[in-house]
Amino acid sequence: MERLICCLTLVLLLVSSGCKRQKAREIIVCGEEQALIIDVDKSEGSNIAVTWSWKASEDMDAQVPAEYKEYMQSLDECKPVDNGSKILLTSSSGGVLLLERESKKILFYARVIMAHSADLLPDGRLVVALSTSTEGNCLNLYDIRKPDQVLFTDSLYSGHGAVWVEANKTLYALGFDELRAYSLKDWNTSTPSLQLEKVWKTPVKRGHDLIQVTDNELIFTGHNGVYWFDMVKESFTPFEPLLGRKNIKSVNYDKEAGYMVYTQGEVNFWTHNIYIENPEKTLTIEDLDLYKARTFK
């Protein structure tokens, strides 16, 4: 009997580890009017295993006003949110959408000039960073239950990144050469806003991307480098894996595993390549001008 129990335990362990190995490692990439979810393990070089796709001209139908097909022609953010069940899309052509991944149903939309990134905030709110434009250079706050209605705005020159950190209840926003921290103000009222708490001058110019890696650490990129930001020490240090690299448009990093996915502006501000480390591979999509890639956590 003891031997039988040992054998059954071994079988269960093998099955369990096999299930873990079979779990797809996915990334989502975007550029022009398209977003694609890719199975990384089944992709190599230009042989891309696409498991999900979205296209502005084909997948919006009558869910939003017809002009949004034009607003979503230059996707520059494709961020998985809500445990990967939803996707935030922003476009420098002037729009933001929140999609349900499985059904592609549009849960929120807004006309946002030069939208460059976004994130979900508590209680169904959403923030968008706007880049350089006469109607841009700011952060806009929305309620996902009220499409196209700005609740609050704050100036931010060349807004490119927005990340909500649940661990310290803080919104971080990246601009041209500064990183900002905001708290939530009057959040339980009909007139919520963002309270600017701190501003740090960054070691980079023309900020491009901002991500959370741990409860205490962010990574941000700019035209001339990639850096860590320690939220507790309020300090900047170079990000060694991409030391000296310029024009990194998006970066994703698993600190424990060393798994990294990034894109770099190689043809003007876009690229045809997605670079992956640990395991090392380059995925190439020749017929799509890519801007960002994001991992699913």
C-alpha atoms as a PDB file:
ATOM      1  CA  MET A   1       0.000   0.000   0.000  1.00  0.00           C
ATOM      2  CA  GLU A   2       2.808   2.401   0.881  1.00  0.00           C
ATOM      3  CA  ARG A   3       4.478   1.702  -2.449  1.00  0.00           C
ATOM      4  CA  LEU A   4       1.192   2.331  -4.286  1.00  0.00           C
ATOM      5  CA  ILE A   5       0.741   5.687  -2.530  1.00  0.00           C
ATOM      6  CA  CYS A   6       4.288   6.705  -3.484  1.00  0.00           C
ATOM      7  CA  CYS A   7       3.640   5.790  -7.126  1.00  0.00           C
ATOM      8  CA  LEU A   8       0.377   7.730  -7.208  1.00  0.00           C
ATOM      9  CA  THR A   9       2.094  10.766  -5.666  1.00  0.00           C
ATOM     10  CA  LEU A  10       4.812  10.641  -8.335  1.00  0.00           C
ATOM     11  CA  VAL A  11       2.206  10.434 -11.105  1.00  0.00           C
ATOM     12  CA  LEU A  12       0.355  13.442  -9.693  1.00  0.00           C
ATOM     13  CA  LEU A  13       3.581  15.445  -9.506  1.00  0.00           C
ATOM     14  CA  LEU A  14       4.451  14.591 -13.098  1.00  0.00           C
ATOM     15  CA  VAL A  15       0.964  15.518 -14.311  1.00  0.00           C
ATOM     16  CA  SER A  16       1.084  18.774 -12.365  1.00  0.00           C
ATOM     17  CA  SER A  17       4.481  19.765 -13.753  1.00  0.00           C
ATOM     18  CA  GLY A  18       3.356  18.769 -17.243  1.00  0.00           C
ATOM     19  CA  CYS A  19       0.345  21.084 -16.966  1.00  0.00           C
ATOM     20  CA  LYS A  20       2.614  23.950 -16.018  1.00  0.00           C
ATOM     21  CA  ARG A  21       4.864  23.318 -18.996  1.00  0.00           C
ATOM     22  CA  GLN A  22       1.881  23.239 -21.340  1.00  0.00           C
ATOM     23  CA  LYS A  23       0.637  26.681 -20.327  1.00  0.00           C
ATOM     24  CA  ALA A  24       1.072  29.027 -23.281  1.00  0.00           C
ATOM     25  CA  ARG A  25       3.500  31.899 -22.914  1.00  0.00           C
ATOM     26  CA  GLU A  26       1.689  34.744 -24.652  1.00  0.00           C
ATOM     27  CA  ILE A  27       2.518  38.277 -25.703  1.00  0.00           C
ATOM     28  CA  ILE A  28       0.342  40.921 -27.313  1.00  0.00           C
ATOM     29  CA  VAL A  29       1.819  43.242 -29.930  1.00  0.00           C
ATOM     30  CA  CYS A  30       0.336  46.256 -31.686  1.00  0.00           C
ATOM     31  CA  GLY A  31       0.964  48.686 -34.514  1.00  0.00           C
ATOM     32  CA  GLU A  32      -0.995  50.436 -37.271  1.00  0.00           C
ATOM     33  CA  GLU A  33      -4.637  49.362 -36.686  1.00  0.00           C
ATOM     34  CA  GLN A  34      -3.921  45.857 -35.414  1.00  0.00           C
ATOM     35  CA  ALA A  35      -3.270  44.001 -32.159  1.00  0.00           C
ATOM     36  CA  LEU A  36      -2.154  40.355 -32.141  1.00  0.00           C
ATOM     37  CA  ILE A  37      -1.755  37.825 -29.353  1.00  0.00           C
ATOM     38  CA  ILE A  38       1.125  35.449 -30.062  1.00  0.00           C
ATOM     39  CA  ASP A  39       2.060  32.080 -28.579  1.00  0.00           C
ATOM     40  CA  VAL A  40       5.777  32.652 -27.998  1.00  0.00           C
ATOM     41  CA  ASP A  41       6.726  28.999 -27.574  1.00  0.00           C
ATOM     42  CA  LYS A  42       5.133  28.042 -30.901  1.00  0.00           C
ATOM     43  CA  SER A  43       6.671  30.990 -32.782  1.00  0.00           C
ATOM     44  CA  GLU A  44      10.119  31.251 -34.314  1.00  0.00           C
ATOM     45  CA  GLY A  45      11.543  33.888 -36.648  1.00  0.00           C
ATOM     46  CA  SER A  46       8.831  34.922 -39.110  1.00  0.00           C
ATOM     47  CA  ASN A  47       6.667  31.873 -38.318  1.00  0.00           C
ATOM     48  CA  ILE A  48       4.242  33.525 -35.931  1.00  0.00           C
ATOM     49  CA  ALA A  49       1.564  31.566 -34.053  1.00  0.00           C
ATOM     50  CA  VAL A  50      -1.256  34.113 -33.720  1.00  0.00           C
ATOM     51  CA  THR A  51      -3.958  33.012 -31.267  1.00  0.00           C
ATOM     52  CA  TRP A  52      -6.053  36.206 -31.236  1.00  0.00           C
ATOM     53  CA  SER A  53      -6.264  39.287 -33.407  1.00  0.00           C
ATOM     54  CA  TRP A  54      -8.092  42.594 -33.473  1.00  0.00           C
ATOM     55  CA  LYS A  55      -8.332  45.093 -36.323  1.00  0.00           C
ATOM     56  CA  ALA A  56      -9.975  48.495 -36.113  1.00  0.00           C
ATOM     57  CA  SER A  57     -11.501  48.344 -39.600  1.00  0.00           C
ATOM     58  CA  GLU A  58     -13.033  44.911 -38.979  1.00  0.00           C
ATOM     59  CA  ASP A  59     -13.791  44.441 -35.278  1.00  0.00           C
ATOM     60  CA  MET A  60     -15.510  47.626 -34.165  1.00  0.00           C
ATOM     61  CA  ASP A  61     -18.779  47.281 -36.101  1.00  0.00           C
ATOM     62  CA  ALA A  62     -21.581  49.363 -34.585  1.00  0.00           C
ATOM     63  CA  GLN A  63     -20.260  49.215 -31.028  1.00  0.00           C
ATOM     64  CA  VAL A  64     -18.919  52.770 -31.192  1.00  0.00           C
ATOM     65  CA  PRO A  65     -19.385  55.793 -33.476  1.00  0.00           C
ATOM     66  CA  ALA A  66     -18.086  55.115 -37.001  1.00  0.00           C
ATOM     67  CA  GLU A  67     -15.302  57.707 -36.756  1.00  0.00           C
ATOM     68  CA  TYR A  68     -13.487  55.569 -34.176  1.00  0.00           C
ATOM     69  CA  LYS A  69     -12.186  53.393 -36.998  1.00  0.00           C
ATOM     70  CA  GLU A  70     -10.069  56.405 -37.969  1.00  0.00           C
ATOM     71  CA  TYR A  71      -9.110  57.198 -34.379  1.00  0.00           C
ATOM     72  CA  MET A  72      -7.651  53.707 -33.849  1.00  0.00           C
ATOM     73  CA  GLN A  73      -5.376  53.612 -36.902  1.00  0.00           C
ATOM     74  CA  SER A  74      -2.062  54.081 -35.026  1.00  0.00           C
ATOM     75  CA  LEU A  75      -2.052  51.738 -32.039  1.00  0.00           C
ATOM     76  CA  ASP A  76       0.725  52.554 -29.565  1.00  0.00           C
ATOM     77  CA  GLU A  77      -0.437  50.639 -26.481  1.00  0.00           C
ATOM     78  CA  CYS A  78      -1.950  47.178 -26.006  1.00  0.00           C
ATOM     79  CA  LYS A  79      -1.956  46.545 -22.259  1.00  0.00           C
ATOM     80  CA  PRO A  80      -3.520  43.427 -20.705  1.00  0.00           C
ATOM     81  CA  VAL A  81      -5.504  44.346 -17.596  1.00  0.00           C
ATOM     82  CA  ASP A  82      -7.832  42.607 -15.141  1.00  0.00           C
ATOM     83  CA  ASN A  83      -5.707  39.418 -15.116  1.00  0.00           C
ATOM     84  CA  GLY A  84      -5.470  39.459 -18.907  1.00  0.00           C
ATOM     85  CA  SER A  85      -9.233  39.227 -19.459  1.00  0.00           C
ATOM     86  CA  LYS A  86      -9.345  42.750 -20.902  1.00  0.00           C
ATOM     87  CA  ILE A  87      -7.109  44.749 -23.232  1.00  0.00           C
ATOM     88  CA  LEU A  88      -6.492  48.502 -23.161  1.00  0.00           C
ATOM     89  CA  LEU A  89      -5.736  49.962 -26.580  1.00  0.00           C
ATOM     90  CA  THR A  90      -4.551  53.524 -27.205  1.00  0.00           C
ATOM     91  CA  SER A  91      -3.829  55.197 -30.503  1.00  0.00           C
ATOM     92  CA  SER A  92      -1.910  58.328 -31.451  1.00  0.00           C
ATOM     93  CA  SER A  93      -4.590  58.824 -34.110  1.00  0.00           C
ATOM     94  CA  GLY A  94      -6.841  59.882 -31.248  1.00  0.00           C
ATOM     95  CA  GLY A  95      -8.614  57.159 -29.333  1.00  0.00           C
ATOM     96  CA  VAL A  96      -8.678  54.728 -26.435  1.00  0.00           C
ATOM     97  CA  LEU A  97     -10.641  51.478 -26.096  1.00  0.00           C
ATOM     98  CA  LEU A  98     -11.123  48.903 -23.369  1.00  0.00           C
ATOM     99  CA  LEU A  99     -11.882  45.468 -24.862  1.00  0.00           C
ATOM    100  CA  GLU A 100     -13.043  42.216 -23.414  1.00  0.00           C
ATOM    101  CA  ARG A 101     -10.457  39.794 -24.765  1.00  0.00           C
ATOM    102  CA  GLU A 102     -12.654  36.767 -25.422  1.00  0.00           C
ATOM    103  CA  SER A 103     -15.610  38.471 -27.085  1.00  0.00           C
ATOM    104  CA  LYS A 104     -13.827  41.614 -28.379  1.00  0.00           C
ATOM    105  CA  LYS A 105     -16.709  43.583 -26.908  1.00  0.00           C
ATOM    106  CA  ILE A 106     -15.848  47.264 -26.431  1.00  0.00           C
ATOM    107  CA  LEU A 107     -16.398  48.149 -22.766  1.00  0.00           C
ATOM    108  CA  PHE A 108     -15.238  51.779 -22.955  1.00  0.00           C
ATOM    109  CA  TYR A 109     -14.200  54.289 -25.603  1.00  0.00           C
ATOM    110  CA  ALA A 110     -13.095  57.908 -25.716  1.00  0.00           C
ATOM    111  CA  ARG A 111     -11.740  60.410 -28.205  1.00  0.00           C
ATOM    112  CA  VAL A 112      -8.253  61.173 -26.847  1.00  0.00           C
ATOM    113  CA  ILE A 113      -5.805  63.226 -28.907  1.00  0.00           C
ATOM    114  CA  MET A 114      -2.345  61.573 -29.129  1.00  0.00           C
ATOM    115  CA  ALA A 115      -3.186  58.867 -26.587  1.00  0.00           C
ATOM    116  CA  HIS A 116      -0.008  56.927 -25.790  1.00  0.00           C
ATOM    117  CA  SER A 117      -0.724  54.741 -22.761  1.00  0.00           C
ATOM    118  CA  ALA A 118      -3.400  53.999 -20.185  1.00  0.00           C
ATOM    119  CA  ASP A 119      -4.177  51.987 -17.091  1.00  0.00           C
ATOM    120  CA  LEU A 120      -7.157  50.940 -15.012  1.00  0.00           C
ATOM    121  CA  LEU A 121      -7.678  52.601 -11.643  1.00  0.00           C
ATOM    122  CA  PRO A 122      -9.814  51.410  -8.707  1.00  0.00           C
ATOM    123  CA  ASP A 123     -13.622  51.546  -8.835  1.00  0.00           C
ATOM    124  CA  GLY A 124     -13.965  51.482 -12.612  1.00  0.00           C
ATOM    125  CA  ARG A 125     -11.858  54.532 -13.411  1.00  0.00           C
ATOM    126  CA  LEU A 126      -9.266  54.795 -16.168  1.00  0.00           C
ATOM    127  CA  VAL A 127      -6.364  57.158 -16.864  1.00  0.00           C
ATOM    128  CA  VAL A 128      -4.811  57.996 -20.248  1.00  0.00           C
ATOM    129  CA  ALA A 129      -1.458  59.680 -20.972  1.00  0.00           C
ATOM    130  CA  LEU A 130      -1.498  62.077 -23.938  1.00  0.00           C
ATOM    131  CA  SER A 131       1.623  62.956 -25.928  1.00  0.00           C
ATOM    132  CA  THR A 132       2.576  66.196 -27.696  1.00  0.00           C
ATOM    133  CA  SER A 133      -0.304  68.026 -29.366  1.00  0.00           C
ATOM    134  CA  THR A 134      -2.164  71.299 -28.901  1.00  0.00           C
ATOM    135  CA  GLU A 135      -4.890  69.200 -27.232  1.00  0.00           C
ATOM    136  CA  GLY A 136      -2.469  66.745 -25.631  1.00  0.00           C
ATOM    137  CA  ASN A 137       0.397  66.993 -23.119  1.00  0.00           C
ATOM    138  CA  CYS A 138      -1.744  65.836 -20.210  1.00  0.00           C
ATOM    139  CA  LEU A 139      -3.305  63.048 -18.182  1.00  0.00           C
ATOM    140  CA  ASN A 140      -7.041  62.464 -18.575  1.00  0.00           C
ATOM    141  CA  LEU A 141      -9.234  60.676 -16.053  1.00  0.00           C
ATOM    142  CA  TYR A 142     -12.364  58.732 -17.094  1.00  0.00           C
ATOM    143  CA  ASP A 143     -15.053  56.482 -15.672  1.00  0.00           C
ATOM    144  CA  ILE A 144     -15.485  53.368 -17.837  1.00  0.00           C
ATOM    145  CA  ARG A 145     -19.259  53.628 -17.338  1.00  0.00           C
ATOM    146  CA  LYS A 146     -19.250  57.063 -19.021  1.00  0.00           C
ATOM    147  CA  PRO A 147     -17.702  56.812 -22.510  1.00  0.00           C
ATOM    148  CA  ASP A 148     -15.983  59.880 -23.918  1.00  0.00           C
ATOM    149  CA  GLN A 149     -16.440  62.004 -20.784  1.00  0.00           C
ATOM    150  CA  VAL A 150     -13.341  63.527 -19.165  1.00  0.00           C
ATOM    151  CA  LEU A 151     -13.660  63.721 -15.377  1.00  0.00           C
ATOM    152  CA  PHE A 152     -10.337  65.429 -14.661  1.00  0.00           C
ATOM    153  CA  THR A 153      -7.180  66.477 -16.473  1.00  0.00           C
ATOM    154  CA  ASP A 154      -3.681  67.528 -15.439  1.00  0.00           C
ATOM    155  CA  SER A 155      -0.915  68.870 -17.655  1.00  0.00           C
ATOM    156  CA  LEU A 156       1.988  66.494 -18.435  1.00  0.00           C
ATOM    157  CA  TYR A 157       4.300  67.351 -21.299  1.00  0.00           C
ATOM    158  CA  SER A 158       4.686  64.429 -23.738  1.00  0.00           C
ATOM    159  CA  GLY A 159       2.702  61.962 -21.640  1.00  0.00           C
ATOM    160  CA  HIS A 160       3.812  58.428 -22.528  1.00  0.00           C
ATOM    161  CA  GLY A 161       3.285  56.162 -19.531  1.00  0.00           C
ATOM    162  CA  ALA A 162       0.677  55.475 -16.862  1.00  0.00           C
ATOM    163  CA  VAL A 163       0.926  52.704 -14.241  1.00  0.00           C
ATOM    164  CA  TRP A 164      -1.264  52.143 -11.195  1.00  0.00           C
ATOM    165  CA  VAL A 165       0.641  50.444  -8.349  1.00  0.00           C
ATOM    166  CA  GLU A 166      -1.818  48.771  -6.023  1.00  0.00           C
ATOM    167  CA  ALA A 167       0.804  48.064  -3.339  1.00  0.00           C
ATOM    168  CA  ASN A 168       1.202  51.745  -2.459  1.00  0.00           C
ATOM    169  CA  LYS A 169      -2.050  53.066  -3.955  1.00  0.00           C
ATOM    170  CA  THR A 170      -0.149  55.386  -6.309  1.00  0.00           C
ATOM    171  CA  LEU A 171      -0.428  56.301  -9.971  1.00  0.00           C
ATOM    172  CA  TYR A 172       2.913  56.844 -11.711  1.00  0.00           C
ATOM    173  CA  ALA A 173       3.046  58.822 -14.952  1.00  0.00           C
ATOM    174  CA  LEU A 174       5.938  59.336 -17.372  1.00  0.00           C
ATOM    175  CA  GLY A 175       6.466  62.485 -19.416  1.00  0.00           C
ATOM    176  CA  PHE A 176       9.262  63.925 -21.560  1.00  0.00           C
ATOM    177  CA  ASP A 177      11.885  64.063 -18.794  1.00  0.00           C
ATOM    178  CA  GLU A 178       9.969  63.538 -15.570  1.00  0.00           C
ATOM    179  CA  LEU A 179       8.271  60.846 -13.560  1.00  0.00           C
ATOM    180  CA  ARG A 180       5.281  61.784 -11.422  1.00  0.00           C
ATOM    181  CA  ALA A 181       3.398  60.215  -8.514  1.00  0.00           C
ATOM    182  CA  TYR A 182      -0.323  60.866  -7.973  1.00  0.00           C
ATOM    183  CA  SER A 183      -2.749  59.911  -5.238  1.00  0.00           C
ATOM    184  CA  LEU A 184      -6.499  59.503  -5.718  1.00  0.00           C
ATOM    185  CA  LYS A 185      -8.547  62.449  -4.472  1.00  0.00           C
ATOM    186  CA  ASP A 186     -12.298  62.617  -3.745  1.00  0.00           C
ATOM    187  CA  TRP A 187     -12.500  59.106  -5.162  1.00  0.00           C
ATOM    188  CA  ASN A 188     -15.864  58.257  -3.642  1.00  0.00           C
ATOM    189  CA  THR A 189     -17.555  61.341  -5.069  1.00  0.00           C
ATOM    190  CA  SER A 190     -18.883  62.268  -8.503  1.00  0.00           C
ATOM    191  CA  THR A 191     -15.892  64.581  -9.029  1.00  0.00           C
ATOM    192  CA  PRO A 192     -12.794  62.410  -8.512  1.00  0.00           C
ATOM    193  CA  SER A 193      -9.356  63.776  -9.360  1.00  0.00           C
ATOM    194  CA  LEU A 194      -5.645  63.019  -9.211  1.00  0.00           C
ATOM    195  CA  GLN A 195      -3.505  64.747  -6.595  1.00  0.00           C
ATOM    196  CA  LEU A 196       0.100  65.363  -7.673  1.00  0.00           C
ATOM    197  CA  GLU A 197       2.360  64.208  -4.820  1.00  0.00           C
ATOM    198  CA  LYS A 198       5.911  64.111  -6.216  1.00  0.00           C
ATOM    199  CA  VAL A 199       7.895  64.872  -9.364  1.00  0.00           C
ATOM    200  CA  TRP A 200      11.309  63.439 -10.236  1.00  0.00           C
ATOM    201  CA  LYS A 201      13.525  64.546 -13.122  1.00  0.00           C
ATOM    202  CA  THR A 202      14.561  61.427 -15.027  1.00  0.00           C
ATOM    203  CA  PRO A 203      17.965  60.559 -16.522  1.00  0.00           C
ATOM    204  CA  VAL A 204      16.277  60.169 -19.937  1.00  0.00           C
ATOM    205  CA  LYS A 205      14.754  62.536 -22.426  1.00  0.00           C
ATOM    206  CA  ARG A 206      11.662  61.780 -24.499  1.00  0.00           C
ATOM    207  CA  GLY A 207      10.222  59.145 -22.189  1.00  0.00           C
ATOM    208  CA  HIS A 208       8.748  56.175 -24.070  1.00  0.00           C
ATOM    209  CA  ASP A 209       7.538  53.439 -21.731  1.00  0.00           C
ATOM    210  CA  LEU A 210       6.765  52.745 -18.078  1.00  0.00           C
ATOM    211  CA  ILE A 211       6.075  49.361 -16.451  1.00  0.00           C
ATOM    212  CA  GLN A 212       5.780  47.892 -12.968  1.00  0.00           C
ATOM    213  CA  VAL A 213       8.133  44.977 -12.208  1.00  0.00           C
ATOM    214  CA  THR A 214       7.735  44.459  -8.443  1.00  0.00           C
ATOM    215  CA  ASP A 215       5.809  46.133  -5.620  1.00  0.00           C
ATOM    216  CA  ASN A 216       8.759  48.504  -5.175  1.00  0.00           C
ATOM    217  CA  GLU A 217      10.253  48.828  -8.656  1.00  0.00           C
ATOM    218  CA  LEU A 218       9.384  50.358 -12.006  1.00  0.00           C
ATOM    219  CA  ILE A 219      11.291  50.320 -15.287  1.00  0.00           C
ATOM    220  CA  PHE A 220      11.050  53.238 -17.689  1.00  0.00           C
ATOM    221  CA  THR A 221      12.589  53.893 -21.087  1.00  0.00           C
ATOM    222  CA  GLY A 222      13.469  56.977 -23.070  1.00  0.00           C
ATOM    223  CA  HIS A 223      15.264  58.021 -26.212  1.00  0.00           C
ATOM    224  CA  ASN A 224      18.669  57.665 -24.556  1.00  0.00           C
ATOM    225  CA  GLY A 225      18.352  54.796 -22.093  1.00  0.00           C
ATOM    226  CA  VAL A 226      16.481  52.393 -19.824  1.00  0.00           C
ATOM    227  CA  TYR A 227      16.365  52.744 -16.024  1.00  0.00           C
ATOM    228  CA  TRP A 228      15.037  51.231 -12.835  1.00  0.00           C
ATOM    229  CA  PHE A 229      13.094  53.412 -10.417  1.00  0.00           C
ATOM    230  CA  ASP A 230      13.006  52.289  -6.787  1.00  0.00           C
ATOM    231  CA  MET A 231       9.720  53.587  -5.380  1.00  0.00           C
ATOM    232  CA  VAL A 232      10.882  53.316  -1.767  1.00  0.00           C
ATOM    233  CA  LYS A 233      14.352  54.833  -2.142  1.00  0.00           C
ATOM    234  CA  GLU A 234      13.140  57.203  -4.904  1.00  0.00           C
ATOM    235  CA  SER A 235      16.301  56.443  -6.863  1.00  0.00           C
ATOM    236  CA  PHE A 236      17.246  55.770 -10.484  1.00  0.00           C
ATOM    237  CA  THR A 237      19.736  53.122 -11.621  1.00  0.00           C
ATOM    238  CA  PRO A 238      20.570  51.881 -15.131  1.00  0.00           C
ATOM    239  CA  PHE A 239      18.750  48.759 -16.305  1.00  0.00           C
ATOM    240  CA  GLU A 240      21.737  46.521 -17.014  1.00  0.00           C
ATOM    241  CA  PRO A 241      20.137  44.090 -19.528  1.00  0.00           C
ATOM    242  CA  LEU A 242      19.533  47.009 -21.924  1.00  0.00           C
ATOM    243  CA  LEU A 243      22.446  49.239 -20.908  1.00  0.00           C
ATOM    244  CA  GLY A 244      23.257  51.825 -23.559  1.00  0.00           C
ATOM    245  CA  ARG A 245      20.291  50.929 -25.769  1.00  0.00           C
ATOM    246  CA  LYS A 246      18.345  53.790 -27.315  1.00  0.00           C
ATOM    247  CA  ASN A 247      14.773  54.158 -28.515  1.00  0.00           C
ATOM    248  CA  ILE A 248      13.351  51.228 -26.556  1.00  0.00           C
ATOM    249  CA  LYS A 249       9.649  51.671 -27.188  1.00  0.00           C
ATOM    250  CA  SER A 250       8.412  48.959 -24.840  1.00  0.00           C
ATOM    251  CA  VAL A 251       9.956  46.618 -22.292  1.00  0.00           C
ATOM    252  CA  ASN A 252       8.587  43.783 -20.147  1.00  0.00           C
ATOM    253  CA  TYR A 253      10.707  42.068 -17.525  1.00  0.00           C
ATOM    254  CA  ASP A 254      10.299  39.154 -15.131  1.00  0.00           C
ATOM    255  CA  LYS A 255      13.000  39.859 -12.557  1.00  0.00           C
ATOM    256  CA  GLU A 256      13.033  36.368 -11.082  1.00  0.00           C
ATOM    257  CA  ALA A 257      13.197  34.451 -14.377  1.00  0.00           C
ATOM    258  CA  GLY A 258      15.110  37.044 -16.401  1.00  0.00           C
ATOM    259  CA  TYR A 259      12.438  36.719 -19.098  1.00  0.00           C
ATOM    260  CA  MET A 260      12.320  39.914 -21.153  1.00  0.00           C
ATOM    261  CA  VAL A 261      10.324  41.085 -24.155  1.00  0.00           C
ATOM    262  CA  TYR A 262      11.018  44.426 -25.807  1.00  0.00           C
ATOM    263  CA  THR A 263      10.672  46.495 -28.970  1.00  0.00           C
ATOM    264  CA  GLN A 264      13.033  49.131 -30.308  1.00  0.00           C
ATOM    265  CA  GLY A 265      12.381  51.937 -32.785  1.00  0.00           C
ATOM    266  CA  GLU A 266      14.359  50.771 -35.812  1.00  0.00           C
ATOM    267  CA  VAL A 267      12.415  52.202 -38.768  1.00  0.00           C
ATOM    268  CA  ASN A 268      11.685  55.710 -37.535  1.00  0.00           C
ATOM    269  CA  PHE A 269       9.672  55.020 -34.357  1.00  0.00           C
ATOM    270  CA  TRP A 270       8.439  51.507 -35.254  1.00  0.00           C
ATOM    271  CA  THR A 271       9.936  48.084 -35.913  1.00  0.00           C
ATOM    272  CA  HIS A 272       9.197  44.685 -37.443  1.00  0.00           C
ATOM    273  CA  ASN A 273      10.946  42.786 -34.663  1.00  0.00           C
ATOM    274  CA  ILE A 274      10.030  41.604 -31.182  1.00  0.00           C
ATOM    275  CA  TYR A 275      13.091  40.748 -29.087  1.00  0.00           C
ATOM    276  CA  ILE A 276      12.909  38.075 -26.389  1.00  0.00           C
ATOM    277  CA  GLU A 277      15.498  37.025 -23.806  1.00  0.00           C
ATOM    278  CA  ASN A 278      15.519  33.842 -21.669  1.00  0.00           C
ATOM    279  CA  PRO A 279      14.813  32.064 -23.949  1.00  0.00           C
ATOM    280  CA  GLU A 280      16.510  34.147 -26.620  1.00  0.00           C
ATOM    281  CA  LYS A 281      14.648  34.605 -29.894  1.00  0.00           C
ATOM    282  CA  THR A 282      13.569  37.310 -32.331  1.00  0.00           C
ATOM    283  CA  LEU A 283      10.077  37.260 -33.818  1.00  0.00           C
ATOM    284  CA  THR A 284       9.602  39.172 -37.068  1.00  0.00           C
ATOM    285  CA  ILE A 285       6.385  40.441 -38.649  1.00  0.00           C
ATOM    286  CA  GLU A 286       7.358  42.069 -41.939  1.00  0.00           C
ATOM    287  CA  ASP A 287       3.890  43.259 -42.970  1.00  0.00           C
ATOM    288  CA  LEU A 288       3.082  45.178 -39.781  1.00  0.00           C
ATOM    289  CA  ASP A 289       4.764  48.291 -38.358  1.00  0.00           C
ATOM    290  CA  LEU A 290       4.989  47.354 -34.681  1.00  0.00           C
ATOM    291  CA  TYR A 291       5.231  49.759 -31.770  1.00  0.00           C
ATOM    292  CA  LYS A 292       4.761  47.901 -28.476  1.00  0.00           C
ATOM    293  CA  ALA A 293       4.743  44.385 -27.085  1.00  0.00           C
ATOM    294  CA  ARG A 294       3.282  43.362 -23.731  1.00  0.00           C
ATOM    295  CA  THR A 295       3.435  40.154 -21.706  1.00  0.00           C
ATOM    296  CA  PHE A 296       0.563  38.516 -19.834  1.00  0.00           C
ATOM    297  CA  LYS A 297       1.161  38.026 -16.109  1.00  0.00           C
END
